[in-house]
Amino acid sequence: AREILMAPRAVIMPAANPTEKFTELAKEHSDCSSARAGGDLGDFKRGAMQKAFEDVAFALQVGEISAECDSDSGLHIILRTA
């Protein structure tokens, strides 16, 4: 599963517009309800998401993309936008 998840990350990172590419791939590959919104979960504060996910999300700088993140909901790639 990690290999499948990391393949899109390898496409996102070198893209001319990584945010746009992330959105495109999330719509195509994500099985999360946020897929329709291009993976956008909206703004959230600490305590709103699973700890493993939050720890990674809040450690990122705006515009930075994570390595794979494993939570109780599955594997994730996180792009911090705000």
N, C-alpha and C. Protein backbone atom coordinates (compact mmCIF):
# COMPACT_ATOMS: atom_id res chain seq x y z
N ALA A 1 0.83 -1.20 0.00
CA ALA A 1 0.00 0.00 0.00
C ALA A 1 0.87 1.26 0.00
N ARG A 2 1.97 1.23 0.73
CA ARG A 2 2.84 2.42 0.78
C ARG A 2 3.41 2.75 -0.60
N GLU A 3 3.74 1.73 -1.36
CA GLU A 3 4.29 1.96 -2.70
C GLU A 3 3.25 2.64 -3.59
N ILE A 4 2.01 2.22 -3.48
CA ILE A 4 0.94 2.83 -4.27
C ILE A 4 0.74 4.27 -3.86
N LEU A 5 0.79 4.55 -2.56
CA LEU A 5 0.61 5.90 -2.05
C LEU A 5 1.75 6.81 -2.45
N MET A 6 2.96 6.30 -2.43
CA MET A 6 4.12 7.15 -2.71
C MET A 6 4.27 7.45 -4.20
N ALA A 7 3.72 6.63 -5.07
CA ALA A 7 3.81 6.92 -6.51
C ALA A 7 3.19 8.27 -6.85
N PRO A 8 1.97 8.58 -6.37
CA PRO A 8 1.44 9.92 -6.65
C PRO A 8 2.29 11.03 -6.04
N ARG A 9 2.87 10.80 -4.87
CA ARG A 9 3.73 11.82 -4.25
C ARG A 9 4.92 12.14 -5.16
N ALA A 10 5.45 11.13 -5.80
CA ALA A 10 6.58 11.33 -6.72
C ALA A 10 6.17 12.16 -7.93
N VAL A 11 4.89 12.16 -8.26
CA VAL A 11 4.37 12.97 -9.37
C VAL A 11 4.06 14.39 -8.89
N ILE A 12 3.60 14.52 -7.66
CA ILE A 12 3.21 15.82 -7.11
C ILE A 12 4.43 16.72 -6.91
N MET A 13 5.46 16.19 -6.31
CA MET A 13 6.62 17.01 -5.91
C MET A 13 7.25 17.79 -7.07
N PRO A 14 7.52 17.18 -8.21
CA PRO A 14 8.17 17.94 -9.28
C PRO A 14 7.21 18.72 -10.18
N ALA A 15 5.90 18.65 -9.93
CA ALA A 15 4.93 19.32 -10.79
C ALA A 15 5.13 20.83 -10.75
N ALA A 16 4.80 21.49 -11.84
CA ALA A 16 4.90 22.96 -11.90
C ALA A 16 4.01 23.60 -10.84
N ASN A 17 2.85 23.00 -10.57
CA ASN A 17 1.94 23.49 -9.54
C ASN A 17 1.56 22.29 -8.66
N PRO A 18 2.34 22.02 -7.60
CA PRO A 18 2.09 20.85 -6.76
C PRO A 18 0.69 20.82 -6.14
N THR A 19 0.15 21.98 -5.77
CA THR A 19 -1.19 22.02 -5.18
C THR A 19 -2.24 21.55 -6.18
N GLU A 20 -2.13 22.02 -7.40
CA GLU A 20 -3.06 21.61 -8.45
C GLU A 20 -2.95 20.11 -8.73
N LYS A 21 -1.73 19.60 -8.78
CA LYS A 21 -1.51 18.18 -9.03
C LYS A 21 -2.04 17.33 -7.88
N PHE A 22 -1.83 17.80 -6.63
CA PHE A 22 -2.35 17.11 -5.46
C PHE A 22 -3.87 17.00 -5.56
N THR A 23 -4.52 18.11 -5.89
CA THR A 23 -5.98 18.15 -6.02
C THR A 23 -6.46 17.16 -7.08
N GLU A 24 -5.80 17.16 -8.21
CA GLU A 24 -6.15 16.26 -9.31
C GLU A 24 -6.03 14.80 -8.88
N LEU A 25 -4.91 14.46 -8.26
CA LEU A 25 -4.68 13.06 -7.86
C LEU A 25 -5.60 12.64 -6.72
N ALA A 26 -5.90 13.55 -5.80
CA ALA A 26 -6.81 13.22 -4.71
C ALA A 26 -8.19 12.89 -5.25
N LYS A 27 -8.66 13.68 -6.22
CA LYS A 27 -9.96 13.42 -6.82
C LYS A 27 -9.99 12.06 -7.51
N GLU A 28 -8.88 11.69 -8.09
CA GLU A 28 -8.79 10.45 -8.85
C GLU A 28 -8.56 9.21 -7.98
N HIS A 29 -7.74 9.35 -6.92
CA HIS A 29 -7.29 8.16 -6.19
C HIS A 29 -7.78 8.03 -4.76
N SER A 30 -8.19 9.10 -4.13
CA SER A 30 -8.55 9.03 -2.71
C SER A 30 -9.86 8.31 -2.50
N ASP A 31 -9.93 7.54 -1.41
CA ASP A 31 -11.20 6.92 -1.04
C ASP A 31 -11.82 7.63 0.17
N CYS A 32 -11.29 8.79 0.48
CA CYS A 32 -11.81 9.63 1.56
C CYS A 32 -12.95 10.50 1.02
N SER A 33 -13.86 10.87 1.89
CA SER A 33 -14.96 11.74 1.45
C SER A 33 -14.46 13.10 0.97
N SER A 34 -13.24 13.49 1.33
CA SER A 34 -12.68 14.76 0.88
C SER A 34 -12.22 14.70 -0.58
N ALA A 35 -12.27 13.53 -1.19
CA ALA A 35 -11.80 13.39 -2.58
C ALA A 35 -12.53 14.33 -3.51
N ARG A 36 -13.83 14.49 -3.31
CA ARG A 36 -14.61 15.39 -4.18
C ARG A 36 -14.10 16.82 -4.13
N ALA A 37 -13.51 17.19 -2.99
CA ALA A 37 -12.96 18.54 -2.82
C ALA A 37 -11.46 18.55 -3.09
N GLY A 38 -10.97 17.55 -3.79
CA GLY A 38 -9.54 17.49 -4.11
C GLY A 38 -8.67 17.20 -2.91
N GLY A 39 -9.25 16.54 -1.91
CA GLY A 39 -8.50 16.20 -0.71
C GLY A 39 -8.50 17.30 0.34
N ASP A 40 -9.18 18.39 0.06
CA ASP A 40 -9.19 19.54 0.98
C ASP A 40 -10.09 19.24 2.17
N LEU A 41 -9.51 19.25 3.36
CA LEU A 41 -10.26 19.01 4.59
C LEU A 41 -10.73 20.31 5.23
N GLY A 42 -10.37 21.43 4.63
CA GLY A 42 -10.72 22.72 5.22
C GLY A 42 -9.82 23.02 6.41
N ASP A 43 -10.06 24.15 7.03
CA ASP A 43 -9.28 24.51 8.22
C ASP A 43 -9.70 23.63 9.38
N PHE A 44 -8.73 23.24 10.20
CA PHE A 44 -9.05 22.50 11.42
C PHE A 44 -8.00 22.83 12.47
N LYS A 45 -8.41 22.69 13.71
CA LYS A 45 -7.52 22.96 14.86
C LYS A 45 -7.12 21.66 15.49
N ARG A 46 -6.13 21.74 16.35
CA ARG A 46 -5.71 20.55 17.09
C ARG A 46 -6.90 19.98 17.84
N GLY A 47 -6.98 18.67 17.86
CA GLY A 47 -8.07 17.98 18.54
C GLY A 47 -9.21 17.60 17.62
N ALA A 48 -9.17 18.08 16.38
CA ALA A 48 -10.26 17.79 15.44
C ALA A 48 -10.00 16.53 14.62
N MET A 49 -8.74 16.14 14.48
CA MET A 49 -8.37 14.99 13.66
C MET A 49 -7.67 13.95 14.53
N GLN A 50 -7.41 12.80 13.97
CA GLN A 50 -6.66 11.78 14.70
C GLN A 50 -5.25 12.30 14.98
N LYS A 51 -4.70 11.96 16.14
CA LYS A 51 -3.43 12.50 16.59
C LYS A 51 -2.30 12.27 15.59
N ALA A 52 -2.20 11.09 15.06
CA ALA A 52 -1.10 10.80 14.11
C ALA A 52 -1.18 11.72 12.91
N PHE A 53 -2.38 11.95 12.40
CA PHE A 53 -2.60 12.83 11.26
C PHE A 53 -2.26 14.27 11.64
N GLU A 54 -2.78 14.72 12.78
CA GLU A 54 -2.53 16.09 13.25
C GLU A 54 -1.06 16.36 13.47
N ASP A 55 -0.37 15.43 14.08
CA ASP A 55 1.05 15.63 14.36
C ASP A 55 1.81 15.91 13.07
N VAL A 56 1.52 15.17 12.03
CA VAL A 56 2.18 15.39 10.74
C VAL A 56 1.72 16.70 10.12
N ALA A 57 0.41 16.93 10.10
CA ALA A 57 -0.13 18.13 9.46
C ALA A 57 0.43 19.41 10.08
N PHE A 58 0.47 19.48 11.40
CA PHE A 58 0.93 20.70 12.06
C PHE A 58 2.45 20.84 12.08
N ALA A 59 3.17 19.78 11.77
CA ALA A 59 4.63 19.86 11.66
C ALA A 59 5.07 20.41 10.30
N LEU A 60 4.17 20.37 9.32
CA LEU A 60 4.50 20.84 7.97
C LEU A 60 4.46 22.36 7.90
N GLN A 61 5.28 22.92 7.01
CA GLN A 61 5.19 24.33 6.67
C GLN A 61 4.12 24.48 5.59
N VAL A 62 3.54 25.66 5.47
CA VAL A 62 2.56 25.90 4.41
C VAL A 62 3.22 25.62 3.06
N GLY A 63 2.54 24.84 2.22
CA GLY A 63 3.06 24.47 0.92
C GLY A 63 3.87 23.20 0.92
N GLU A 64 4.16 22.66 2.09
CA GLU A 64 4.97 21.44 2.20
C GLU A 64 4.06 20.21 2.13
N ILE A 65 4.60 19.14 1.56
CA ILE A 65 3.87 17.89 1.45
C ILE A 65 4.57 16.84 2.31
N SER A 66 3.78 16.01 2.95
CA SER A 66 4.33 15.02 3.88
C SER A 66 4.79 13.76 3.16
N ALA A 67 5.56 12.99 3.90
CA ALA A 67 5.79 11.59 3.53
C ALA A 67 4.48 10.89 3.90
N GLU A 68 4.41 9.59 3.73
CA GLU A 68 3.17 8.91 4.08
C GLU A 68 2.91 9.04 5.58
N CYS A 69 1.67 9.14 5.92
CA CYS A 69 1.21 9.27 7.30
C CYS A 69 0.23 8.14 7.54
N ASP A 70 0.46 7.37 8.57
CA ASP A 70 -0.38 6.23 8.90
C ASP A 70 -1.25 6.58 10.10
N SER A 71 -2.57 6.52 9.93
CA SER A 71 -3.50 6.77 11.03
C SER A 71 -4.48 5.61 11.10
N ASP A 72 -5.39 5.67 12.05
CA ASP A 72 -6.42 4.63 12.16
C ASP A 72 -7.33 4.61 10.93
N SER A 73 -7.36 5.71 10.18
CA SER A 73 -8.18 5.78 8.97
C SER A 73 -7.46 5.27 7.73
N GLY A 74 -6.16 5.01 7.84
CA GLY A 74 -5.40 4.51 6.70
C GLY A 74 -4.15 5.33 6.45
N LEU A 75 -3.66 5.26 5.23
CA LEU A 75 -2.45 5.99 4.82
C LEU A 75 -2.84 7.29 4.15
N HIS A 76 -2.05 8.32 4.38
CA HIS A 76 -2.36 9.64 3.85
C HIS A 76 -1.10 10.32 3.32
N ILE A 77 -1.29 11.22 2.38
CA ILE A 77 -0.29 12.21 2.02
C ILE A 77 -0.94 13.54 2.34
N ILE A 78 -0.24 14.40 3.06
CA ILE A 78 -0.82 15.66 3.51
C ILE A 78 -0.11 16.81 2.84
N LEU A 79 -0.87 17.72 2.26
CA LEU A 79 -0.36 18.97 1.72
C LEU A 79 -0.92 20.08 2.58
N ARG A 80 -0.04 20.80 3.27
CA ARG A 80 -0.52 21.89 4.13
C ARG A 80 -0.69 23.15 3.29
N THR A 81 -1.88 23.70 3.34
CA THR A 81 -2.20 24.89 2.53
C THR A 81 -2.43 26.13 3.36
N ALA A 82 -2.56 25.99 4.67
CA ALA A 82 -2.78 27.17 5.53
C ALA A 82 -2.17 26.92 6.90
